[in-house]
Amino acid sequence: MAQSTGSVDFTVNNETYQTWYKIIGDLNFGIPPLIILHGGPGMTHDYLLPNADLHTSLGVPIIFYDQVGNGKSTHILDKPKEFWTVKLFMDELDNLLGKLGVQEFDLLGHSWGGVLAINFTIERQPKGLKKIVLVGTPASMELWVKSARGLLEKFPKDFVDMMKRHEEEGTTGDKEYQDGMWEFYGKHVITLPQPLPKEINVSVEALEKNGTVYETMWGPSEFFATGILKQWSIINKLEKTKYPVLITNGVHDECQDLCVLPLFERIPRVKWYQFANSTHMPFWEERERYMKIVAGFW
């Protein structure tokens, strides 16, 4: 399997940053590549590497990249919160496609990556886009919080009260709260036994070392939004989606049905598949089934 890595310049307000990428396959082979958009915001591409299986099954080139702010791309620690916008990351995706000479392509976005993908699709209406896969992607962050808080409320009352106390007191960095986050994540984000695969750990460790993007755009945890994405919604624009879309989530996903239902109801050409034995990472939890479903969309 041919692989290559590199970086492209990404200029914002006369400052130039680097976007790191990894290509599986050959962009000159004549098949539109699949661009993989990682979640977070502020994670890295590593935890999504199982999607390289799609190169084997479909023969499509695959482009992974670390969004600016973390991973192997430029870390930016000195910008005000206004710097971190959805537009910034749409501009970065546009720039990457242009610098790599990609004219026709497909998108697969996971979680925040799906938010970026559907936003990019509707706002930019890219001529070369063929199809979109949205994995664990909400139609609005209000619905995401409602979903995640609803799942949190099913935990024992003492646990829920403890988590709420830390949120109210501004002590979400406390070990007790952090441990509680991982107890939630173990039921609704990734259910694989410990130790987790190294690819997941690489992304988690990157986020823990540099939480700038995640904390600024989202907040302290998956179920406690305080950042600029808190008010984000694409619901009223979904009818503008011109491309075929596959949406997926897991039965036990933090992105519950109420999050994705507007996508299914409002996107003109759409399919929805739910993984019975998965939470938020079906590409790990039901890898073979996931690849079959996604490949079948081609």
C-alpha atoms as a PDB file:
ATOM      1  CA  MET A   1       0.000   0.000   0.000  1.00  0.00           C
ATOM      2  CA  ALA A   2       1.595   3.248  -1.160  1.00  0.00           C
ATOM      3  CA  GLN A   3       1.782   5.956   1.494  1.00  0.00           C
ATOM      4  CA  SER A   4       3.148   9.473   1.536  1.00  0.00           C
ATOM      5  CA  THR A   5       3.151  12.355   3.990  1.00  0.00           C
ATOM      6  CA  GLY A   6       3.825  16.056   3.736  1.00  0.00           C
ATOM      7  CA  SER A   7       2.533  19.479   4.645  1.00  0.00           C
ATOM      8  CA  VAL A   8       1.117  22.496   2.828  1.00  0.00           C
ATOM      9  CA  ASP A   9       1.237  26.175   3.709  1.00  0.00           C
ATOM     10  CA  PHE A  10      -1.990  27.627   5.072  1.00  0.00           C
ATOM     11  CA  THR A  11      -2.004  31.418   5.334  1.00  0.00           C
ATOM     12  CA  VAL A  12      -4.392  33.248   7.656  1.00  0.00           C
ATOM     13  CA  ASN A  13      -4.215  37.034   8.087  1.00  0.00           C
ATOM     14  CA  ASN A  14      -0.677  37.169   6.658  1.00  0.00           C
ATOM     15  CA  GLU A  15       0.556  34.422   8.996  1.00  0.00           C
ATOM     16  CA  THR A  16       1.496  31.077   7.475  1.00  0.00           C
ATOM     17  CA  TYR A  17       0.858  27.768   9.219  1.00  0.00           C
ATOM     18  CA  GLN A  18       1.374  24.160   8.186  1.00  0.00           C
ATOM     19  CA  THR A  19      -1.310  21.552   7.535  1.00  0.00           C
ATOM     20  CA  TRP A  20       0.130  18.048   7.747  1.00  0.00           C
ATOM     21  CA  TYR A  21      -1.383  15.275   5.595  1.00  0.00           C
ATOM     22  CA  LYS A  22      -1.021  11.570   4.901  1.00  0.00           C
ATOM     23  CA  ILE A  23      -2.061   9.981   1.610  1.00  0.00           C
ATOM     24  CA  ILE A  24      -2.891   6.286   1.285  1.00  0.00           C
ATOM     25  CA  GLY A  25      -2.700   5.284  -2.378  1.00  0.00           C
ATOM     26  CA  ASP A  26      -1.988   7.371  -5.458  1.00  0.00           C
ATOM     27  CA  LEU A  27      -3.730  10.675  -6.205  1.00  0.00           C
ATOM     28  CA  ASN A  28      -2.766  10.268  -9.866  1.00  0.00           C
ATOM     29  CA  PHE A  29      -4.603   6.962 -10.224  1.00  0.00           C
ATOM     30  CA  GLY A  30      -7.733   8.608 -11.664  1.00  0.00           C
ATOM     31  CA  ILE A  31     -10.094   7.821  -8.764  1.00  0.00           C
ATOM     32  CA  PRO A  32     -11.415  10.717  -6.634  1.00  0.00           C
ATOM     33  CA  PRO A  33      -9.839  10.536  -3.164  1.00  0.00           C
ATOM     34  CA  LEU A  34     -11.735  10.247   0.095  1.00  0.00           C
ATOM     35  CA  ILE A  35     -10.873  13.077   2.500  1.00  0.00           C
ATOM     36  CA  ILE A  36     -11.134  12.077   6.182  1.00  0.00           C
ATOM     37  CA  LEU A  37     -12.070  14.857   8.633  1.00  0.00           C
ATOM     38  CA  HIS A  38     -11.258  14.099  12.264  1.00  0.00           C
ATOM     39  CA  GLY A  39     -13.295  15.093  15.282  1.00  0.00           C
ATOM     40  CA  GLY A  40     -12.701  17.127  18.392  1.00  0.00           C
ATOM     41  CA  PRO A  41     -12.363  19.860  17.421  1.00  0.00           C
ATOM     42  CA  GLY A  42      -8.700  19.581  18.291  1.00  0.00           C
ATOM     43  CA  MET A  43      -8.162  15.817  17.941  1.00  0.00           C
ATOM     44  CA  THR A  44      -5.813  14.297  15.349  1.00  0.00           C
ATOM     45  CA  HIS A  45      -6.207  11.953  12.398  1.00  0.00           C
ATOM     46  CA  ASP A  46      -4.677   8.939  14.164  1.00  0.00           C
ATOM     47  CA  TYR A  47      -7.814   7.444  15.757  1.00  0.00           C
ATOM     48  CA  LEU A  48      -9.485   7.398  12.321  1.00  0.00           C
ATOM     49  CA  LEU A  49      -6.759   5.316  10.657  1.00  0.00           C
ATOM     50  CA  PRO A  50      -8.970   2.184  10.441  1.00  0.00           C
ATOM     51  CA  ASN A  51     -10.660   3.997   7.555  1.00  0.00           C
ATOM     52  CA  ALA A  52      -7.577   3.142   5.519  1.00  0.00           C
ATOM     53  CA  ASP A  53      -9.348  -0.219   5.085  1.00  0.00           C
ATOM     54  CA  LEU A  54     -11.524   1.555   2.518  1.00  0.00           C
ATOM     55  CA  HIS A  55      -8.492   1.931   0.263  1.00  0.00           C
ATOM     56  CA  THR A  56      -8.099  -1.831   0.305  1.00  0.00           C
ATOM     57  CA  SER A  57     -11.776  -2.549  -0.390  1.00  0.00           C
ATOM     58  CA  LEU A  58     -12.541   0.269  -2.828  1.00  0.00           C
ATOM     59  CA  GLY A  59      -9.181   1.165  -4.282  1.00  0.00           C
ATOM     60  CA  VAL A  60      -9.797   4.839  -3.541  1.00  0.00           C
ATOM     61  CA  PRO A  61      -6.922   7.071  -2.424  1.00  0.00           C
ATOM     62  CA  ILE A  62      -7.466   8.356   1.101  1.00  0.00           C
ATOM     63  CA  ILE A  63      -6.249  11.645   2.537  1.00  0.00           C
ATOM     64  CA  PHE A  64      -5.926  12.019   6.299  1.00  0.00           C
ATOM     65  CA  TYR A  65      -4.813  15.326   7.785  1.00  0.00           C
ATOM     66  CA  ASP A  66      -4.394  17.015  11.143  1.00  0.00           C
ATOM     67  CA  GLN A  67      -6.432  20.176  11.318  1.00  0.00           C
ATOM     68  CA  VAL A  68      -4.383  23.203  12.237  1.00  0.00           C
ATOM     69  CA  GLY A  69      -3.934  23.615  15.983  1.00  0.00           C
ATOM     70  CA  ASN A  70      -2.815  20.110  16.931  1.00  0.00           C
ATOM     71  CA  GLY A  71      -1.095  16.903  15.898  1.00  0.00           C
ATOM     72  CA  LYS A  72       1.588  17.275  13.257  1.00  0.00           C
ATOM     73  CA  SER A  73       0.111  20.542  11.979  1.00  0.00           C
ATOM     74  CA  THR A  74       1.039  23.922  13.435  1.00  0.00           C
ATOM     75  CA  HIS A  75       0.069  24.414  17.082  1.00  0.00           C
ATOM     76  CA  ILE A  76      -1.323  27.910  17.645  1.00  0.00           C
ATOM     77  CA  LEU A  77      -1.423  28.960  21.286  1.00  0.00           C
ATOM     78  CA  ASP A  78      -1.542  32.743  21.185  1.00  0.00           C
ATOM     79  CA  LYS A  79      -4.774  33.610  19.379  1.00  0.00           C
ATOM     80  CA  PRO A  80      -8.002  35.020  20.844  1.00  0.00           C
ATOM     81  CA  LYS A  81     -11.072  32.811  20.829  1.00  0.00           C
ATOM     82  CA  GLU A  82     -12.422  34.702  17.806  1.00  0.00           C
ATOM     83  CA  PHE A  83      -9.650  33.141  15.706  1.00  0.00           C
ATOM     84  CA  TRP A  84     -11.132  29.663  16.080  1.00  0.00           C
ATOM     85  CA  THR A  85     -14.132  29.492  13.771  1.00  0.00           C
ATOM     86  CA  VAL A  86     -15.814  26.966  11.512  1.00  0.00           C
ATOM     87  CA  LYS A  87     -14.792  29.215   8.614  1.00  0.00           C
ATOM     88  CA  LEU A  88     -11.113  28.801   9.549  1.00  0.00           C
ATOM     89  CA  PHE A  89     -11.361  25.052   9.129  1.00  0.00           C
ATOM     90  CA  MET A  90     -13.394  25.305   5.934  1.00  0.00           C
ATOM     91  CA  ASP A  91     -10.678  27.590   4.556  1.00  0.00           C
ATOM     92  CA  GLU A  92      -8.046  25.063   5.594  1.00  0.00           C
ATOM     93  CA  LEU A  93      -9.879  22.241   3.803  1.00  0.00           C
ATOM     94  CA  ASP A  94     -10.258  24.375   0.674  1.00  0.00           C
ATOM     95  CA  ASN A  95      -6.558  25.218   0.845  1.00  0.00           C
ATOM     96  CA  LEU A  96      -5.507  21.585   1.265  1.00  0.00           C
ATOM     97  CA  LEU A  97      -7.583  20.472  -1.715  1.00  0.00           C
ATOM     98  CA  GLY A  98      -6.124  23.230  -3.846  1.00  0.00           C
ATOM     99  CA  LYS A  99      -2.513  22.639  -2.809  1.00  0.00           C
ATOM    100  CA  LEU A 100      -2.819  18.907  -3.490  1.00  0.00           C
ATOM    101  CA  GLY A 101      -4.478  19.529  -6.840  1.00  0.00           C
ATOM    102  CA  VAL A 102      -7.636  17.635  -5.885  1.00  0.00           C
ATOM    103  CA  GLN A 103     -10.575  18.530  -8.119  1.00  0.00           C
ATOM    104  CA  GLU A 104     -12.994  15.661  -7.499  1.00  0.00           C
ATOM    105  CA  PHE A 105     -13.360  14.060  -4.073  1.00  0.00           C
ATOM    106  CA  ASP A 106     -15.571  12.505  -1.401  1.00  0.00           C
ATOM    107  CA  LEU A 107     -15.772  13.506   2.269  1.00  0.00           C
ATOM    108  CA  LEU A 108     -16.007  11.407   5.418  1.00  0.00           C
ATOM    109  CA  GLY A 109     -16.367  13.348   8.648  1.00  0.00           C
ATOM    110  CA  HIS A 110     -16.545  11.965  12.168  1.00  0.00           C
ATOM    111  CA  SER A 111     -18.256  13.931  14.953  1.00  0.00           C
ATOM    112  CA  TRP A 112     -16.893  17.502  14.691  1.00  0.00           C
ATOM    113  CA  GLY A 113     -15.371  16.402  11.377  1.00  0.00           C
ATOM    114  CA  GLY A 114     -18.899  15.713  10.165  1.00  0.00           C
ATOM    115  CA  VAL A 115     -19.972  19.163  11.330  1.00  0.00           C
ATOM    116  CA  LEU A 116     -17.124  20.587   9.276  1.00  0.00           C
ATOM    117  CA  ALA A 117     -18.050  18.407   6.282  1.00  0.00           C
ATOM    118  CA  ILE A 118     -21.741  19.352   6.149  1.00  0.00           C
ATOM    119  CA  ASN A 119     -20.954  23.011   6.813  1.00  0.00           C
ATOM    120  CA  PHE A 120     -18.348  23.000   4.025  1.00  0.00           C
ATOM    121  CA  THR A 121     -20.787  21.250   1.705  1.00  0.00           C
ATOM    122  CA  ILE A 122     -23.594  23.755   2.201  1.00  0.00           C
ATOM    123  CA  GLU A 123     -21.595  26.964   2.505  1.00  0.00           C
ATOM    124  CA  ARG A 124     -19.042  26.288  -0.258  1.00  0.00           C
ATOM    125  CA  GLN A 125     -21.060  24.039  -2.628  1.00  0.00           C
ATOM    126  CA  PRO A 126     -17.827  22.487  -3.984  1.00  0.00           C
ATOM    127  CA  LYS A 127     -18.170  21.493  -7.640  1.00  0.00           C
ATOM    128  CA  GLY A 128     -15.902  18.468  -7.340  1.00  0.00           C
ATOM    129  CA  LEU A 129     -17.633  16.856  -4.365  1.00  0.00           C
ATOM    130  CA  LYS A 130     -19.314  13.530  -5.136  1.00  0.00           C
ATOM    131  CA  LYS A 131     -20.653  12.099  -1.874  1.00  0.00           C
ATOM    132  CA  ILE A 132     -20.481  12.584   1.893  1.00  0.00           C
ATOM    133  CA  VAL A 133     -20.354  10.207   4.882  1.00  0.00           C
ATOM    134  CA  LEU A 134     -21.276  11.645   8.290  1.00  0.00           C
ATOM    135  CA  VAL A 135     -20.337   9.413  11.232  1.00  0.00           C
ATOM    136  CA  GLY A 136     -21.762  10.356  14.631  1.00  0.00           C
ATOM    137  CA  THR A 137     -22.544  13.860  13.433  1.00  0.00           C
ATOM    138  CA  PRO A 138     -25.180  16.155  14.974  1.00  0.00           C
ATOM    139  CA  ALA A 139     -27.404  18.589  13.087  1.00  0.00           C
ATOM    140  CA  SER A 140     -26.965  21.112  15.906  1.00  0.00           C
ATOM    141  CA  MET A 141     -24.944  21.415  19.086  1.00  0.00           C
ATOM    142  CA  GLU A 142     -28.086  22.075  21.110  1.00  0.00           C
ATOM    143  CA  LEU A 143     -29.237  18.585  20.143  1.00  0.00           C
ATOM    144  CA  TRP A 144     -25.786  17.154  20.897  1.00  0.00           C
ATOM    145  CA  VAL A 145     -25.821  18.566  24.423  1.00  0.00           C
ATOM    146  CA  LYS A 146     -29.393  17.380  24.966  1.00  0.00           C
ATOM    147  CA  SER A 147     -28.355  13.898  23.831  1.00  0.00           C
ATOM    148  CA  ALA A 148     -25.200  13.715  25.934  1.00  0.00           C
ATOM    149  CA  ARG A 149     -26.791  15.194  29.045  1.00  0.00           C
ATOM    150  CA  GLY A 150     -29.660  12.743  28.696  1.00  0.00           C
ATOM    151  CA  LEU A 151     -27.179   9.867  28.726  1.00  0.00           C
ATOM    152  CA  LEU A 152     -25.319  11.392  31.661  1.00  0.00           C
ATOM    153  CA  GLU A 153     -28.551  11.551  33.667  1.00  0.00           C
ATOM    154  CA  LYS A 154     -28.823   7.744  33.439  1.00  0.00           C
ATOM    155  CA  PHE A 155     -25.737   7.344  35.611  1.00  0.00           C
ATOM    156  CA  PRO A 156     -26.157   7.013  39.407  1.00  0.00           C
ATOM    157  CA  LYS A 157     -27.440  10.194  41.054  1.00  0.00           C
ATOM    158  CA  ASP A 158     -24.327  10.665  43.206  1.00  0.00           C
ATOM    159  CA  PHE A 159     -22.162  10.518  40.088  1.00  0.00           C
ATOM    160  CA  VAL A 160     -24.343  13.008  38.206  1.00  0.00           C
ATOM    161  CA  ASP A 161     -24.433  15.366  41.188  1.00  0.00           C
ATOM    162  CA  MET A 162     -20.634  15.239  41.439  1.00  0.00           C
ATOM    163  CA  MET A 163     -20.197  16.078  37.754  1.00  0.00           C
ATOM    164  CA  LYS A 164     -22.682  18.960  37.954  1.00  0.00           C
ATOM    165  CA  ARG A 165     -20.987  20.327  41.078  1.00  0.00           C
ATOM    166  CA  HIS A 166     -17.636  20.551  39.327  1.00  0.00           C
ATOM    167  CA  GLU A 167     -19.247  22.239  36.322  1.00  0.00           C
ATOM    168  CA  GLU A 168     -21.006  24.783  38.515  1.00  0.00           C
ATOM    169  CA  GLU A 169     -17.879  25.479  40.574  1.00  0.00           C
ATOM    170  CA  GLY A 170     -15.550  25.703  37.579  1.00  0.00           C
ATOM    171  CA  THR A 171     -13.418  22.784  38.720  1.00  0.00           C
ATOM    172  CA  THR A 172     -13.738  20.554  35.649  1.00  0.00           C
ATOM    173  CA  GLY A 173      -9.957  20.108  35.640  1.00  0.00           C
ATOM    174  CA  ASP A 174     -10.214  18.208  38.939  1.00  0.00           C
ATOM    175  CA  LYS A 175      -9.207  14.530  38.756  1.00  0.00           C
ATOM    176  CA  GLU A 176     -12.627  13.481  40.037  1.00  0.00           C
ATOM    177  CA  TYR A 177     -14.364  15.183  37.105  1.00  0.00           C
ATOM    178  CA  GLN A 178     -11.763  13.952  34.605  1.00  0.00           C
ATOM    179  CA  ASP A 179     -12.198  10.378  35.824  1.00  0.00           C
ATOM    180  CA  GLY A 180     -15.950  10.827  35.544  1.00  0.00           C
ATOM    181  CA  MET A 181     -15.584  11.970  31.937  1.00  0.00           C
ATOM    182  CA  TRP A 182     -13.769   8.762  31.092  1.00  0.00           C
ATOM    183  CA  GLU A 183     -16.428   6.679  32.813  1.00  0.00           C
ATOM    184  CA  PHE A 184     -18.986   8.325  30.507  1.00  0.00           C
ATOM    185  CA  TYR A 185     -16.725   7.942  27.470  1.00  0.00           C
ATOM    186  CA  GLY A 186     -16.311   4.239  28.224  1.00  0.00           C
ATOM    187  CA  LYS A 187     -20.043   3.760  27.743  1.00  0.00           C
ATOM    188  CA  HIS A 188     -20.836   6.234  24.970  1.00  0.00           C
ATOM    189  CA  VAL A 189     -17.653   7.086  23.035  1.00  0.00           C
ATOM    190  CA  ILE A 190     -15.513   3.931  22.806  1.00  0.00           C
ATOM    191  CA  THR A 191     -16.298   0.573  24.443  1.00  0.00           C
ATOM    192  CA  LEU A 192     -13.123  -1.331  23.598  1.00  0.00           C
ATOM    193  CA  PRO A 193     -11.347  -2.836  26.611  1.00  0.00           C
ATOM    194  CA  GLN A 194      -8.255  -1.184  28.032  1.00  0.00           C
ATOM    195  CA  PRO A 195      -5.613  -0.666  26.902  1.00  0.00           C
ATOM    196  CA  LEU A 196      -7.101   1.185  23.955  1.00  0.00           C
ATOM    197  CA  PRO A 197      -5.448   0.869  20.526  1.00  0.00           C
ATOM    198  CA  LYS A 198      -2.381   3.061  20.191  1.00  0.00           C
ATOM    199  CA  GLU A 199      -4.012   5.093  17.402  1.00  0.00           C
ATOM    200  CA  ILE A 200      -6.755   6.224  19.774  1.00  0.00           C
ATOM    201  CA  ASN A 201      -4.259   6.927  22.541  1.00  0.00           C
ATOM    202  CA  VAL A 202      -2.130   9.080  20.234  1.00  0.00           C
ATOM    203  CA  SER A 203      -5.127  11.304  19.491  1.00  0.00           C
ATOM    204  CA  VAL A 204      -6.236  11.430  23.137  1.00  0.00           C
ATOM    205  CA  GLU A 205      -2.736  12.283  24.343  1.00  0.00           C
ATOM    206  CA  ALA A 206      -2.430  15.026  21.728  1.00  0.00           C
ATOM    207  CA  LEU A 207      -5.682  16.553  22.961  1.00  0.00           C
ATOM    208  CA  GLU A 208      -4.601  16.297  26.592  1.00  0.00           C
ATOM    209  CA  LYS A 209      -1.272  17.985  25.852  1.00  0.00           C
ATOM    210  CA  ASN A 210      -2.870  20.780  23.838  1.00  0.00           C
ATOM    211  CA  GLY A 211      -6.549  21.414  24.504  1.00  0.00           C
ATOM    212  CA  THR A 212      -6.570  24.905  22.981  1.00  0.00           C
ATOM    213  CA  VAL A 213      -8.896  24.189  20.076  1.00  0.00           C
ATOM    214  CA  TYR A 214     -11.211  21.817  21.942  1.00  0.00           C
ATOM    215  CA  GLU A 215     -11.625  23.989  25.010  1.00  0.00           C
ATOM    216  CA  THR A 216     -12.049  27.197  23.006  1.00  0.00           C
ATOM    217  CA  MET A 217     -14.488  25.858  20.454  1.00  0.00           C
ATOM    218  CA  TRP A 218     -16.309  23.304  22.602  1.00  0.00           C
ATOM    219  CA  GLY A 219     -15.614  23.175  26.342  1.00  0.00           C
ATOM    220  CA  PRO A 220     -14.389  20.969  29.203  1.00  0.00           C
ATOM    221  CA  SER A 221     -16.142  17.723  28.201  1.00  0.00           C
ATOM    222  CA  GLU A 222     -18.376  16.128  25.576  1.00  0.00           C
ATOM    223  CA  PHE A 223     -21.500  16.913  27.613  1.00  0.00           C
ATOM    224  CA  PHE A 224     -20.600  20.397  28.869  1.00  0.00           C
ATOM    225  CA  ALA A 225     -20.421  23.009  26.112  1.00  0.00           C
ATOM    226  CA  THR A 226     -19.068  26.466  26.897  1.00  0.00           C
ATOM    227  CA  GLY A 227     -17.293  27.381  23.651  1.00  0.00           C
ATOM    228  CA  ILE A 228     -18.153  29.121  20.411  1.00  0.00           C
ATOM    229  CA  LEU A 229     -19.698  26.004  18.856  1.00  0.00           C
ATOM    230  CA  LYS A 230     -22.398  25.883  21.520  1.00  0.00           C
ATOM    231  CA  GLN A 231     -24.863  27.783  19.312  1.00  0.00           C
ATOM    232  CA  TRP A 232     -23.944  26.071  16.037  1.00  0.00           C
ATOM    233  CA  SER A 233     -26.784  24.624  13.946  1.00  0.00           C
ATOM    234  CA  ILE A 234     -27.131  23.675  10.297  1.00  0.00           C
ATOM    235  CA  ILE A 235     -30.756  22.473  10.523  1.00  0.00           C
ATOM    236  CA  ASN A 236     -32.338  25.315   8.589  1.00  0.00           C
ATOM    237  CA  LYS A 237     -29.883  24.938   5.698  1.00  0.00           C
ATOM    238  CA  LEU A 238     -29.907  21.178   5.197  1.00  0.00           C
ATOM    239  CA  GLU A 239     -32.219  21.313   2.175  1.00  0.00           C
ATOM    240  CA  LYS A 240     -29.355  23.001   0.299  1.00  0.00           C
ATOM    241  CA  THR A 241     -27.331  19.776   0.354  1.00  0.00           C
ATOM    242  CA  LYS A 242     -26.961  18.750  -3.295  1.00  0.00           C
ATOM    243  CA  TYR A 243     -24.945  15.585  -2.775  1.00  0.00           C
ATOM    244  CA  PRO A 244     -25.820  12.036  -1.656  1.00  0.00           C
ATOM    245  CA  VAL A 245     -25.169  11.594   2.065  1.00  0.00           C
ATOM    246  CA  LEU A 246     -24.748   8.546   4.279  1.00  0.00           C
ATOM    247  CA  ILE A 247     -25.286   9.195   7.982  1.00  0.00           C
ATOM    248  CA  THR A 248     -24.456   6.690  10.717  1.00  0.00           C
ATOM    249  CA  ASN A 249     -24.518   6.489  14.472  1.00  0.00           C
ATOM    250  CA  GLY A 250     -24.409   3.772  17.117  1.00  0.00           C
ATOM    251  CA  VAL A 251     -27.200   2.589  19.387  1.00  0.00           C
ATOM    252  CA  HIS A 252     -25.152   3.602  22.428  1.00  0.00           C
ATOM    253  CA  ASP A 253     -23.555   6.631  20.750  1.00  0.00           C
ATOM    254  CA  GLU A 254     -23.288   9.951  22.582  1.00  0.00           C
ATOM    255  CA  CYS A 255     -24.691  11.221  19.286  1.00  0.00           C
ATOM    256  CA  GLN A 256     -28.152   9.745  19.804  1.00  0.00           C
ATOM    257  CA  ASP A 257     -30.931   9.587  17.199  1.00  0.00           C
ATOM    258  CA  LEU A 258     -32.323  12.988  18.131  1.00  0.00           C
ATOM    259  CA  CYS A 259     -29.018  14.508  16.941  1.00  0.00           C
ATOM    260  CA  VAL A 260     -29.096  12.985  13.474  1.00  0.00           C
ATOM    261  CA  LEU A 261     -32.838  12.891  12.804  1.00  0.00           C
ATOM    262  CA  PRO A 262     -32.919  16.386  11.206  1.00  0.00           C
ATOM    263  CA  LEU A 263     -30.150  15.280   8.825  1.00  0.00           C
ATOM    264  CA  PHE A 264     -32.273  12.339   7.733  1.00  0.00           C
ATOM    265  CA  GLU A 265     -35.473  14.342   7.468  1.00  0.00           C
ATOM    266  CA  ARG A 266     -34.116  17.368   5.608  1.00  0.00           C
ATOM    267  CA  ILE A 267     -31.243  16.256   3.354  1.00  0.00           C
ATOM    268  CA  PRO A 268     -32.769  15.441  -0.058  1.00  0.00           C
ATOM    269  CA  ARG A 269     -30.664  12.348  -0.885  1.00  0.00           C
ATOM    270  CA  VAL A 270     -29.785  10.535   2.301  1.00  0.00           C
ATOM    271  CA  LYS A 271     -29.390   7.088   3.866  1.00  0.00           C
ATOM    272  CA  TRP A 272     -29.136   6.352   7.590  1.00  0.00           C
ATOM    273  CA  TYR A 273     -27.512   3.278   9.103  1.00  0.00           C
ATOM    274  CA  GLN A 274     -27.284   2.556  12.818  1.00  0.00           C
ATOM    275  CA  PHE A 275     -24.677   0.206  14.294  1.00  0.00           C
ATOM    276  CA  ALA A 276     -26.276  -2.059  16.889  1.00  0.00           C
ATOM    277  CA  ASN A 277     -23.130  -2.751  18.903  1.00  0.00           C
ATOM    278  CA  SER A 278     -21.333   0.572  18.739  1.00  0.00           C
ATOM    279  CA  THR A 279     -21.031   3.868  20.538  1.00  0.00           C
ATOM    280  CA  HIS A 280     -19.202   6.778  18.856  1.00  0.00           C
ATOM    281  CA  MET A 281     -16.447   4.840  17.043  1.00  0.00           C
ATOM    282  CA  PRO A 282     -17.976   2.054  14.926  1.00  0.00           C
ATOM    283  CA  PHE A 283     -14.830   1.954  12.790  1.00  0.00           C
ATOM    284  CA  TRP A 284     -13.201   0.354  15.843  1.00  0.00           C
ATOM    285  CA  GLU A 285     -16.150  -1.301  17.590  1.00  0.00           C
ATOM    286  CA  GLU A 286     -17.721  -2.941  14.507  1.00  0.00           C
ATOM    287  CA  ARG A 287     -14.882  -2.487  12.056  1.00  0.00           C
ATOM    288  CA  GLU A 288     -15.842  -5.149   9.514  1.00  0.00           C
ATOM    289  CA  ARG A 289     -19.514  -4.153   9.462  1.00  0.00           C
ATOM    290  CA  TYR A 290     -18.662  -0.463   9.301  1.00  0.00           C
ATOM    291  CA  MET A 291     -16.379  -0.944   6.294  1.00  0.00           C
ATOM    292  CA  LYS A 292     -19.038  -2.984   4.529  1.00  0.00           C
ATOM    293  CA  ILE A 293     -21.708  -0.310   5.066  1.00  0.00           C
ATOM    294  CA  VAL A 294     -19.499   2.614   4.060  1.00  0.00           C
ATOM    295  CA  ALA A 295     -18.045   0.795   1.049  1.00  0.00           C
ATOM    296  CA  GLY A 296     -21.577  -0.109  -0.011  1.00  0.00           C
ATOM    297  CA  PHE A 297     -22.348   3.599  -0.314  1.00  0.00           C
ATOM    298  CA  TRP A 298     -19.951   3.728  -3.270  1.00  0.00           C
END
